[in-house]
């Protein structure tokens, strides 16, 4: 049999998680869905073209991504899925789910974007263009849309993972990212300062071997938006160090007042959660990438004298 599309994995995964409201391993949910869909051993051995993952596991993973975007499930830790109260209510309401409900879960939440939590934090171009009807979209448009969707899903997973690591590990990840971005020549140029009495400074990066030019970093996870008082305090900490450059990084967002204050002073850069995730994807921190060869007809080749 052909392996079902990812939308067909949505209900089996939802039913399995409803039967295990305390949560379950992702691999167990995937296997249960495969059993419910009647996948054979040969089906389970089929791999993606990249050879990196079984097809059914990939599709089960995307089904759970849709459940999470719809607020019906969560992933409190790596490789562990748990149904939400809303998901449990839906699972108890109807069996089987109406096709229109499956379609809503599979499609309606595709364009859910990361929220920075601050009005004015978003930049032009942050939002996806209105989706085109698949029949009207060119192959390149569909490819670009799929890439945007993949980036959005990975960004959400990154922010979710960052919310679970320890404050010390978060500071280390941020310093690793800045190193990958070209700040500092080696790990020896990174100094972690965070801790009690850190004066609002979590890390220092030397931009030159003698340490004459430095960037001071504060990396904090915030439940709500970061306000002007926190940025002012960071600015004061920089002044106390006679520092000229500072980067404030958070997993949430900034208030309009915080953004205005940062613009009113020199050499302070604010990085919110959406930008942090985008930078981690771009520089492959906590992210792996695969090369996809996309064929394109080369008309110049046939215009040349090749005979």
C-alpha atoms as a PDB file:
ATOM      1  CA  UNK A   1       0.000   0.000   0.000  1.00  0.00           C
ATOM      2  CA  UNK A   2       1.066   3.615  -0.442  1.00  0.00           C
ATOM      3  CA  UNK A   3       1.992   5.472   2.728  1.00  0.00           C
ATOM      4  CA  UNK A   4      -0.846   7.815   3.793  1.00  0.00           C
ATOM      5  CA  UNK A   5      -0.333  11.574   3.518  1.00  0.00           C
ATOM      6  CA  UNK A   6       0.471  13.455   6.706  1.00  0.00           C
ATOM      7  CA  UNK A   7      -3.110  14.665   7.243  1.00  0.00           C
ATOM      8  CA  UNK A   8      -4.206  11.036   7.625  1.00  0.00           C
ATOM      9  CA  UNK A   9      -1.853  10.683  10.600  1.00  0.00           C
ATOM     10  CA  UNK A  10      -3.562  13.515  12.497  1.00  0.00           C
ATOM     11  CA  UNK A  11      -6.492  11.583  13.944  1.00  0.00           C
ATOM     12  CA  UNK A  12      -4.578   8.410  14.927  1.00  0.00           C
ATOM     13  CA  UNK A  13      -2.011  10.509  16.772  1.00  0.00           C
ATOM     14  CA  UNK A  14      -4.732  12.552  18.457  1.00  0.00           C
ATOM     15  CA  UNK A  15      -6.541   9.358  19.552  1.00  0.00           C
ATOM     16  CA  UNK A  16      -3.333   7.819  20.900  1.00  0.00           C
ATOM     17  CA  UNK A  17      -2.464  10.925  22.903  1.00  0.00           C
ATOM     18  CA  UNK A  18      -6.038  11.118  24.213  1.00  0.00           C
ATOM     19  CA  UNK A  19      -5.586   7.580  25.538  1.00  0.00           C
ATOM     20  CA  UNK A  20      -2.360   8.717  27.239  1.00  0.00           C
ATOM     21  CA  UNK A  21      -3.242  12.144  28.678  1.00  0.00           C
ATOM     22  CA  UNK A  22      -0.118  12.124  30.829  1.00  0.00           C
ATOM     23  CA  UNK A  23       1.934  12.169  27.630  1.00  0.00           C
ATOM     24  CA  UNK A  24       3.897   9.635  25.629  1.00  0.00           C
ATOM     25  CA  UNK A  25       7.102   9.227  23.678  1.00  0.00           C
ATOM     26  CA  UNK A  26       6.872  10.542  20.140  1.00  0.00           C
ATOM     27  CA  UNK A  27       8.136   7.244  18.735  1.00  0.00           C
ATOM     28  CA  UNK A  28       5.338   5.360  20.507  1.00  0.00           C
ATOM     29  CA  UNK A  29       2.742   7.733  19.067  1.00  0.00           C
ATOM     30  CA  UNK A  30       4.236   7.306  15.599  1.00  0.00           C
ATOM     31  CA  UNK A  31       4.152   3.523  15.837  1.00  0.00           C
ATOM     32  CA  UNK A  32       0.602   3.550  17.156  1.00  0.00           C
ATOM     33  CA  UNK A  33      -0.484   5.737  14.231  1.00  0.00           C
ATOM     34  CA  UNK A  34       1.302   3.440  11.790  1.00  0.00           C
ATOM     35  CA  UNK A  35      -0.517   0.450  13.319  1.00  0.00           C
ATOM     36  CA  UNK A  36      -3.875   2.235  13.132  1.00  0.00           C
ATOM     37  CA  UNK A  37      -3.271   3.040   9.463  1.00  0.00           C
ATOM     38  CA  UNK A  38      -2.256  -0.535   8.679  1.00  0.00           C
ATOM     39  CA  UNK A  39       1.275   0.213   7.496  1.00  0.00           C
ATOM     40  CA  UNK A  40       3.244  -2.858   6.509  1.00  0.00           C
ATOM     41  CA  UNK A  41       6.867  -3.538   7.394  1.00  0.00           C
ATOM     42  CA  UNK A  42       7.847  -2.488   3.884  1.00  0.00           C
ATOM     43  CA  UNK A  43       5.953   0.792   4.326  1.00  0.00           C
ATOM     44  CA  UNK A  44       7.870   1.477   7.537  1.00  0.00           C
ATOM     45  CA  UNK A  45      11.201   0.844   5.852  1.00  0.00           C
ATOM     46  CA  UNK A  46      10.560   3.370   3.068  1.00  0.00           C
ATOM     47  CA  UNK A  47      12.933   6.331   3.433  1.00  0.00           C
ATOM     48  CA  UNK A  48      12.819   9.933   2.282  1.00  0.00           C
ATOM     49  CA  UNK A  49      14.961  10.709  -0.785  1.00  0.00           C
ATOM     50  CA  UNK A  50      17.574  12.158   1.575  1.00  0.00           C
ATOM     51  CA  UNK A  51      17.808   8.786   3.328  1.00  0.00           C
ATOM     52  CA  UNK A  52      17.734  10.588   6.679  1.00  0.00           C
ATOM     53  CA  UNK A  53      14.301   9.525   7.965  1.00  0.00           C
ATOM     54  CA  UNK A  54      11.527   7.020   7.388  1.00  0.00           C
ATOM     55  CA  UNK A  55       8.679   8.484   5.346  1.00  0.00           C
ATOM     56  CA  UNK A  56       5.968   7.521   7.832  1.00  0.00           C
ATOM     57  CA  UNK A  57       7.875   9.090  10.728  1.00  0.00           C
ATOM     58  CA  UNK A  58       8.304  12.294   8.783  1.00  0.00           C
ATOM     59  CA  UNK A  59       4.600  12.451   8.008  1.00  0.00           C
ATOM     60  CA  UNK A  60       3.646  11.605  11.586  1.00  0.00           C
ATOM     61  CA  UNK A  61       5.924  14.403  12.750  1.00  0.00           C
ATOM     62  CA  UNK A  62       4.220  16.886  10.442  1.00  0.00           C
ATOM     63  CA  UNK A  63       0.821  15.694  11.656  1.00  0.00           C
ATOM     64  CA  UNK A  64       1.862  16.452  15.222  1.00  0.00           C
ATOM     65  CA  UNK A  65       3.208  19.829  14.113  1.00  0.00           C
ATOM     66  CA  UNK A  66      -0.287  20.659  12.852  1.00  0.00           C
ATOM     67  CA  UNK A  67      -1.844  19.460  16.109  1.00  0.00           C
ATOM     68  CA  UNK A  68       0.508  21.738  18.037  1.00  0.00           C
ATOM     69  CA  UNK A  69      -0.235  24.733  15.816  1.00  0.00           C
ATOM     70  CA  UNK A  70      -3.951  24.120  16.366  1.00  0.00           C
ATOM     71  CA  UNK A  71      -3.389  24.104  20.139  1.00  0.00           C
ATOM     72  CA  UNK A  72      -4.439  20.466  20.454  1.00  0.00           C
ATOM     73  CA  UNK A  73      -1.086  19.031  21.551  1.00  0.00           C
ATOM     74  CA  UNK A  74       2.266  20.112  22.961  1.00  0.00           C
ATOM     75  CA  UNK A  75       5.839  18.921  23.216  1.00  0.00           C
ATOM     76  CA  UNK A  76       6.981  19.659  26.781  1.00  0.00           C
ATOM     77  CA  UNK A  77      10.359  18.091  26.126  1.00  0.00           C
ATOM     78  CA  UNK A  78      12.315  16.563  23.276  1.00  0.00           C
ATOM     79  CA  UNK A  79      10.699  13.434  21.853  1.00  0.00           C
ATOM     80  CA  UNK A  80       7.689  13.653  24.175  1.00  0.00           C
ATOM     81  CA  UNK A  81       4.148  14.612  23.128  1.00  0.00           C
ATOM     82  CA  UNK A  82       1.174  15.495  25.319  1.00  0.00           C
ATOM     83  CA  UNK A  83      -2.422  16.296  24.445  1.00  0.00           C
ATOM     84  CA  UNK A  84      -3.863  19.641  25.608  1.00  0.00           C
ATOM     85  CA  UNK A  85      -7.274  20.070  27.267  1.00  0.00           C
ATOM     86  CA  UNK A  86      -8.584  21.378  23.934  1.00  0.00           C
ATOM     87  CA  UNK A  87      -7.268  18.308  22.152  1.00  0.00           C
ATOM     88  CA  UNK A  88      -8.767  15.992  24.740  1.00  0.00           C
ATOM     89  CA  UNK A  89     -12.152  17.696  24.399  1.00  0.00           C
ATOM     90  CA  UNK A  90     -12.036  17.294  20.620  1.00  0.00           C
ATOM     91  CA  UNK A  91     -11.039  13.638  20.837  1.00  0.00           C
ATOM     92  CA  UNK A  92     -13.947  12.936  23.168  1.00  0.00           C
ATOM     93  CA  UNK A  93     -16.415  14.898  21.069  1.00  0.00           C
ATOM     94  CA  UNK A  94     -16.461  12.990  17.803  1.00  0.00           C
ATOM     95  CA  UNK A  95     -15.159   9.749  16.388  1.00  0.00           C
ATOM     96  CA  UNK A  96     -14.141   9.733  13.646  1.00  0.00           C
ATOM     97  CA  UNK A  97     -13.374  13.406  13.139  1.00  0.00           C
ATOM     98  CA  UNK A  98     -15.271  14.998  10.237  1.00  0.00           C
ATOM     99  CA  UNK A  99     -13.133  15.497   7.104  1.00  0.00           C
ATOM    100  CA  UNK A 100     -13.570  19.262   7.364  1.00  0.00           C
ATOM    101  CA  UNK A 101     -12.101  19.193  10.891  1.00  0.00           C
ATOM    102  CA  UNK A 102      -9.059  17.233   9.692  1.00  0.00           C
ATOM    103  CA  UNK A 103      -8.659  19.720   6.856  1.00  0.00           C
ATOM    104  CA  UNK A 104      -8.900  22.635   9.291  1.00  0.00           C
ATOM    105  CA  UNK A 105      -6.162  21.187  11.487  1.00  0.00           C
ATOM    106  CA  UNK A 106      -3.979  20.297   8.509  1.00  0.00           C
ATOM    107  CA  UNK A 107      -4.279  23.539   6.578  1.00  0.00           C
ATOM    108  CA  UNK A 108      -5.785  26.390   8.578  1.00  0.00           C
ATOM    109  CA  UNK A 109      -2.812  26.757  10.920  1.00  0.00           C
ATOM    110  CA  UNK A 110      -0.010  26.524   8.364  1.00  0.00           C
ATOM    111  CA  UNK A 111       0.651  30.258   8.381  1.00  0.00           C
ATOM    112  CA  UNK A 112       0.685  30.722  12.167  1.00  0.00           C
ATOM    113  CA  UNK A 113       3.717  32.932  12.789  1.00  0.00           C
ATOM    114  CA  UNK A 114       6.017  33.310  15.746  1.00  0.00           C
ATOM    115  CA  UNK A 115       4.775  36.049  18.038  1.00  0.00           C
ATOM    116  CA  UNK A 116       7.336  38.437  19.497  1.00  0.00           C
ATOM    117  CA  UNK A 117       4.735  39.747  21.912  1.00  0.00           C
ATOM    118  CA  UNK A 118       5.536  43.379  21.187  1.00  0.00           C
ATOM    119  CA  UNK A 119       3.768  45.788  18.934  1.00  0.00           C
ATOM    120  CA  UNK A 120       6.326  47.181  16.563  1.00  0.00           C
ATOM    121  CA  UNK A 121       8.862  44.357  16.992  1.00  0.00           C
ATOM    122  CA  UNK A 122       7.924  42.781  13.677  1.00  0.00           C
ATOM    123  CA  UNK A 123       9.723  44.001  10.606  1.00  0.00           C
ATOM    124  CA  UNK A 124       8.570  44.416   7.040  1.00  0.00           C
ATOM    125  CA  UNK A 125       8.571  41.103   5.251  1.00  0.00           C
ATOM    126  CA  UNK A 126       8.126  39.082   8.444  1.00  0.00           C
ATOM    127  CA  UNK A 127       4.684  37.856   7.338  1.00  0.00           C
ATOM    128  CA  UNK A 128       4.019  35.380   4.598  1.00  0.00           C
ATOM    129  CA  UNK A 129       2.216  36.494   1.502  1.00  0.00           C
ATOM    130  CA  UNK A 130      -1.377  35.225   1.207  1.00  0.00           C
ATOM    131  CA  UNK A 131      -1.256  31.556   0.208  1.00  0.00           C
ATOM    132  CA  UNK A 132      -1.982  30.807  -3.413  1.00  0.00           C
ATOM    133  CA  UNK A 133      -4.282  28.081  -4.619  1.00  0.00           C
ATOM    134  CA  UNK A 134      -1.959  25.119  -5.306  1.00  0.00           C
ATOM    135  CA  UNK A 135      -3.283  24.773  -8.837  1.00  0.00           C
ATOM    136  CA  UNK A 136      -2.313  28.400  -9.551  1.00  0.00           C
ATOM    137  CA  UNK A 137       1.066  28.425  -7.799  1.00  0.00           C
ATOM    138  CA  UNK A 138       4.160  27.747  -9.885  1.00  0.00           C
ATOM    139  CA  UNK A 139       6.501  24.920  -8.817  1.00  0.00           C
ATOM    140  CA  UNK A 140       8.974  27.572  -7.620  1.00  0.00           C
ATOM    141  CA  UNK A 141       6.232  29.262  -5.576  1.00  0.00           C
ATOM    142  CA  UNK A 142       5.309  25.937  -4.015  1.00  0.00           C
ATOM    143  CA  UNK A 143       8.956  25.196  -3.275  1.00  0.00           C
ATOM    144  CA  UNK A 144       9.453  28.630  -1.703  1.00  0.00           C
ATOM    145  CA  UNK A 145       6.274  28.204   0.318  1.00  0.00           C
ATOM    146  CA  UNK A 146       7.396  24.799   1.582  1.00  0.00           C
ATOM    147  CA  UNK A 147      10.764  26.251   2.585  1.00  0.00           C
ATOM    148  CA  UNK A 148       9.065  29.071   4.486  1.00  0.00           C
ATOM    149  CA  UNK A 149       6.843  26.553   6.219  1.00  0.00           C
ATOM    150  CA  UNK A 150       9.830  24.413   7.198  1.00  0.00           C
ATOM    151  CA  UNK A 151      11.668  27.448   8.572  1.00  0.00           C
ATOM    152  CA  UNK A 152       8.611  28.485  10.555  1.00  0.00           C
ATOM    153  CA  UNK A 153       8.215  25.014  12.072  1.00  0.00           C
ATOM    154  CA  UNK A 154      11.927  24.749  12.957  1.00  0.00           C
ATOM    155  CA  UNK A 155      11.900  28.255  14.464  1.00  0.00           C
ATOM    156  CA  UNK A 156       8.976  27.310  16.700  1.00  0.00           C
ATOM    157  CA  UNK A 157      10.773  24.116  17.776  1.00  0.00           C
ATOM    158  CA  UNK A 158      13.932  26.114  18.556  1.00  0.00           C
ATOM    159  CA  UNK A 159      12.100  28.600  20.775  1.00  0.00           C
ATOM    160  CA  UNK A 160      10.307  25.759  22.513  1.00  0.00           C
ATOM    161  CA  UNK A 161      13.629  23.999  23.157  1.00  0.00           C
ATOM    162  CA  UNK A 162      15.260  27.234  24.376  1.00  0.00           C
ATOM    163  CA  UNK A 163      12.443  27.660  26.890  1.00  0.00           C
ATOM    164  CA  UNK A 164      13.450  24.345  28.498  1.00  0.00           C
ATOM    165  CA  UNK A 165      17.235  24.707  28.780  1.00  0.00           C
ATOM    166  CA  UNK A 166      18.871  26.095  31.908  1.00  0.00           C
ATOM    167  CA  UNK A 167      19.750  29.812  32.064  1.00  0.00           C
ATOM    168  CA  UNK A 168      23.443  28.892  31.932  1.00  0.00           C
ATOM    169  CA  UNK A 169      22.937  26.729  28.835  1.00  0.00           C
ATOM    170  CA  UNK A 170      20.906  29.482  27.199  1.00  0.00           C
ATOM    171  CA  UNK A 171      23.748  31.951  27.716  1.00  0.00           C
ATOM    172  CA  UNK A 172      26.168  29.405  26.228  1.00  0.00           C
ATOM    173  CA  UNK A 173      23.951  28.877  23.176  1.00  0.00           C
ATOM    174  CA  UNK A 174      23.749  32.623  22.580  1.00  0.00           C
ATOM    175  CA  UNK A 175      27.544  32.984  22.787  1.00  0.00           C
ATOM    176  CA  UNK A 176      27.945  30.019  20.413  1.00  0.00           C
ATOM    177  CA  UNK A 177      25.593  31.732  17.955  1.00  0.00           C
ATOM    178  CA  UNK A 178      27.531  35.003  18.104  1.00  0.00           C
ATOM    179  CA  UNK A 179      30.769  33.107  17.517  1.00  0.00           C
ATOM    180  CA  UNK A 180      29.240  31.397  14.449  1.00  0.00           C
ATOM    181  CA  UNK A 181      28.172  34.843  13.235  1.00  0.00           C
ATOM    182  CA  UNK A 182      31.783  35.973  13.234  1.00  0.00           C
ATOM    183  CA  UNK A 183      32.068  37.759  16.564  1.00  0.00           C
ATOM    184  CA  UNK A 184      35.388  36.603  17.971  1.00  0.00           C
ATOM    185  CA  UNK A 185      37.970  34.479  16.235  1.00  0.00           C
ATOM    186  CA  UNK A 186      37.730  31.462  18.545  1.00  0.00           C
ATOM    187  CA  UNK A 187      36.070  30.178  21.696  1.00  0.00           C
ATOM    188  CA  UNK A 188      38.923  31.706  23.675  1.00  0.00           C
ATOM    189  CA  UNK A 189      37.486  35.103  22.743  1.00  0.00           C
ATOM    190  CA  UNK A 190      34.196  34.304  24.525  1.00  0.00           C
ATOM    191  CA  UNK A 191      33.865  34.942  28.250  1.00  0.00           C
ATOM    192  CA  UNK A 192      30.770  33.926  30.192  1.00  0.00           C
ATOM    193  CA  UNK A 193      30.012  36.293  33.061  1.00  0.00           C
ATOM    194  CA  UNK A 194      26.417  35.440  33.972  1.00  0.00           C
ATOM    195  CA  UNK A 195      25.565  34.712  37.576  1.00  0.00           C
ATOM    196  CA  UNK A 196      24.799  36.542  40.789  1.00  0.00           C
ATOM    197  CA  UNK A 197      26.410  39.947  40.762  1.00  0.00           C
ATOM    198  CA  UNK A 198      26.956  39.922  37.009  1.00  0.00           C
ATOM    199  CA  UNK A 199      25.833  43.533  36.777  1.00  0.00           C
ATOM    200  CA  UNK A 200      23.455  42.724  33.944  1.00  0.00           C
ATOM    201  CA  UNK A 201      26.212  41.278  31.741  1.00  0.00           C
ATOM    202  CA  UNK A 202      26.059  37.599  30.768  1.00  0.00           C
ATOM    203  CA  UNK A 203      28.931  37.397  28.308  1.00  0.00           C
ATOM    204  CA  UNK A 204      31.803  39.322  26.788  1.00  0.00           C
ATOM    205  CA  UNK A 205      33.198  38.764  23.295  1.00  0.00           C
ATOM    206  CA  UNK A 206      36.636  40.088  22.355  1.00  0.00           C
ATOM    207  CA  UNK A 207      36.677  41.248  18.754  1.00  0.00           C
ATOM    208  CA  UNK A 208      40.455  41.391  18.610  1.00  0.00           C
ATOM    209  CA  UNK A 209      43.238  39.284  20.085  1.00  0.00           C
ATOM    210  CA  UNK A 210      44.290  41.976  22.577  1.00  0.00           C
ATOM    211  CA  UNK A 211      40.751  42.463  23.837  1.00  0.00           C
ATOM    212  CA  UNK A 212      40.721  46.164  23.020  1.00  0.00           C
ATOM    213  CA  UNK A 213      37.325  45.940  21.309  1.00  0.00           C
ATOM    214  CA  UNK A 214      34.581  44.044  23.112  1.00  0.00           C
ATOM    215  CA  UNK A 215      30.865  43.302  22.762  1.00  0.00           C
ATOM    216  CA  UNK A 216      28.882  42.874  25.982  1.00  0.00           C
ATOM    217  CA  UNK A 217      25.946  40.495  25.912  1.00  0.00           C
ATOM    218  CA  UNK A 218      22.840  39.990  28.015  1.00  0.00           C
ATOM    219  CA  UNK A 219      20.865  36.843  27.219  1.00  0.00           C
ATOM    220  CA  UNK A 220      17.615  36.389  29.116  1.00  0.00           C
ATOM    221  CA  UNK A 221      14.459  34.380  28.626  1.00  0.00           C
ATOM    222  CA  UNK A 222      11.394  36.474  29.371  1.00  0.00           C
ATOM    223  CA  UNK A 223       7.841  35.308  29.990  1.00  0.00           C
ATOM    224  CA  UNK A 224       6.377  38.595  28.799  1.00  0.00           C
ATOM    225  CA  UNK A 225       7.769  41.404  26.712  1.00  0.00           C
ATOM    226  CA  UNK A 226      10.957  43.161  27.762  1.00  0.00           C
ATOM    227  CA  UNK A 227      10.265  46.753  28.770  1.00  0.00           C
ATOM    228  CA  UNK A 228      12.217  49.977  28.772  1.00  0.00           C
ATOM    229  CA  UNK A 229      13.430  49.599  32.401  1.00  0.00           C
ATOM    230  CA  UNK A 230      15.327  46.387  31.529  1.00  0.00           C
ATOM    231  CA  UNK A 231      17.008  48.010  28.520  1.00  0.00           C
ATOM    232  CA  UNK A 232      17.884  51.083  30.576  1.00  0.00           C
ATOM    233  CA  UNK A 233      19.426  48.832  33.225  1.00  0.00           C
ATOM    234  CA  UNK A 234      21.484  47.084  30.544  1.00  0.00           C
ATOM    235  CA  UNK A 235      22.588  50.459  29.207  1.00  0.00           C
ATOM    236  CA  UNK A 236      23.647  51.404  32.739  1.00  0.00           C
ATOM    237  CA  UNK A 237      25.603  48.165  33.087  1.00  0.00           C
ATOM    238  CA  UNK A 238      27.418  48.955  29.847  1.00  0.00           C
ATOM    239  CA  UNK A 239      28.264  52.408  31.112  1.00  0.00           C
ATOM    240  CA  UNK A 240      29.601  50.876  34.311  1.00  0.00           C
ATOM    241  CA  UNK A 241      31.943  48.737  32.197  1.00  0.00           C
ATOM    242  CA  UNK A 242      32.818  51.686  29.953  1.00  0.00           C
ATOM    243  CA  UNK A 243      31.569  49.507  27.143  1.00  0.00           C
ATOM    244  CA  UNK A 244      30.651  50.880  23.742  1.00  0.00           C
ATOM    245  CA  UNK A 245      28.783  47.911  22.232  1.00  0.00           C
ATOM    246  CA  UNK A 246      26.005  45.768  23.685  1.00  0.00           C
ATOM    247  CA  UNK A 247      23.602  43.088  22.482  1.00  0.00           C
ATOM    248  CA  UNK A 248      20.424  42.243  24.406  1.00  0.00           C
ATOM    249  CA  UNK A 249      18.907  38.903  23.386  1.00  0.00           C
ATOM    250  CA  UNK A 250      15.622  37.423  24.556  1.00  0.00           C
ATOM    251  CA  UNK A 251      13.275  34.645  23.506  1.00  0.00           C
ATOM    252  CA  UNK A 252      10.249  36.942  23.753  1.00  0.00           C
ATOM    253  CA  UNK A 253       9.837  40.476  22.397  1.00  0.00           C
ATOM    254  CA  UNK A 254      10.194  44.147  23.294  1.00  0.00           C
ATOM    255  CA  UNK A 255       7.725  46.881  24.087  1.00  0.00           C
ATOM    256  CA  UNK A 256       7.547  49.913  21.843  1.00  0.00           C
ATOM    257  CA  UNK A 257       9.118  51.986  24.633  1.00  0.00           C
ATOM    258  CA  UNK A 258      12.067  49.567  24.874  1.00  0.00           C
ATOM    259  CA  UNK A 259      12.618  49.729  21.121  1.00  0.00           C
ATOM    260  CA  UNK A 260      12.450  53.531  21.139  1.00  0.00           C
ATOM    261  CA  UNK A 261      14.992  53.755  23.967  1.00  0.00           C
ATOM    262  CA  UNK A 262      17.418  51.433  22.153  1.00  0.00           C
ATOM    263  CA  UNK A 263      17.131  53.610  19.045  1.00  0.00           C
ATOM    264  CA  UNK A 264      17.789  56.749  21.086  1.00  0.00           C
ATOM    265  CA  UNK A 265      21.190  55.539  22.328  1.00  0.00           C
ATOM    266  CA  UNK A 266      24.193  54.289  20.411  1.00  0.00           C
ATOM    267  CA  UNK A 267      25.491  50.772  19.911  1.00  0.00           C
ATOM    268  CA  UNK A 268      22.749  48.716  21.576  1.00  0.00           C
ATOM    269  CA  UNK A 269      21.196  45.979  19.444  1.00  0.00           C
ATOM    270  CA  UNK A 270      17.999  44.207  20.521  1.00  0.00           C
ATOM    271  CA  UNK A 271      17.330  40.669  19.284  1.00  0.00           C
ATOM    272  CA  UNK A 272      13.869  39.193  19.897  1.00  0.00           C
ATOM    273  CA  UNK A 273      12.766  35.575  19.790  1.00  0.00           C
ATOM    274  CA  UNK A 274      11.810  35.542  16.113  1.00  0.00           C
ATOM    275  CA  UNK A 275      15.138  37.005  15.049  1.00  0.00           C
ATOM    276  CA  UNK A 276      17.049  34.733  17.425  1.00  0.00           C
ATOM    277  CA  UNK A 277      15.427  31.652  15.892  1.00  0.00           C
ATOM    278  CA  UNK A 278      16.080  32.948  12.365  1.00  0.00           C
ATOM    279  CA  UNK A 279      19.761  33.525  13.176  1.00  0.00           C
ATOM    280  CA  UNK A 280      20.085  30.054  14.693  1.00  0.00           C
ATOM    281  CA  UNK A 281      18.639  28.558  11.511  1.00  0.00           C
ATOM    282  CA  UNK A 282      20.864  30.667   9.273  1.00  0.00           C
ATOM    283  CA  UNK A 283      24.037  29.767  11.180  1.00  0.00           C
ATOM    284  CA  UNK A 284      22.954  26.186  11.981  1.00  0.00           C
ATOM    285  CA  UNK A 285      23.090  26.390  15.764  1.00  0.00           C
ATOM    286  CA  UNK A 286      20.888  23.572  17.045  1.00  0.00           C
ATOM    287  CA  UNK A 287      19.845  23.005  13.437  1.00  0.00           C
ATOM    288  CA  UNK A 288      21.040  20.665  10.713  1.00  0.00           C
ATOM    289  CA  UNK A 289      20.426  21.266   7.021  1.00  0.00           C
ATOM    290  CA  UNK A 290      20.250  19.138   3.924  1.00  0.00           C
ATOM    291  CA  UNK A 291      21.263  20.148   0.429  1.00  0.00           C
ATOM    292  CA  UNK A 292      18.472  19.936  -2.113  1.00  0.00           C
ATOM    293  CA  UNK A 293      19.430  19.975  -5.795  1.00  0.00           C
ATOM    294  CA  UNK A 294      16.762  21.770  -7.810  1.00  0.00           C
ATOM    295  CA  UNK A 295      17.172  21.254 -11.579  1.00  0.00           C
ATOM    296  CA  UNK A 296      16.863  24.313 -13.821  1.00  0.00           C
ATOM    297  CA  UNK A 297      16.992  24.275 -17.593  1.00  0.00           C
ATOM    298  CA  UNK A 298      20.168  25.996 -18.864  1.00  0.00           C
ATOM    299  CA  UNK A 299      19.228  27.637 -22.153  1.00  0.00           C
ATOM    300  CA  UNK A 300      22.708  29.166 -22.470  1.00  0.00           C
ATOM    301  CA  UNK A 301      24.158  25.677 -22.829  1.00  0.00           C
ATOM    302  CA  UNK A 302      22.163  25.072 -25.995  1.00  0.00           C
ATOM    303  CA  UNK A 303      22.928  28.538 -27.353  1.00  0.00           C
ATOM    304  CA  UNK A 304      26.641  27.826 -27.269  1.00  0.00           C
ATOM    305  CA  UNK A 305      28.528  26.067 -30.061  1.00  0.00           C
ATOM    306  CA  UNK A 306      28.737  22.676 -28.377  1.00  0.00           C
ATOM    307  CA  UNK A 307      29.256  20.612 -31.495  1.00  0.00           C
END
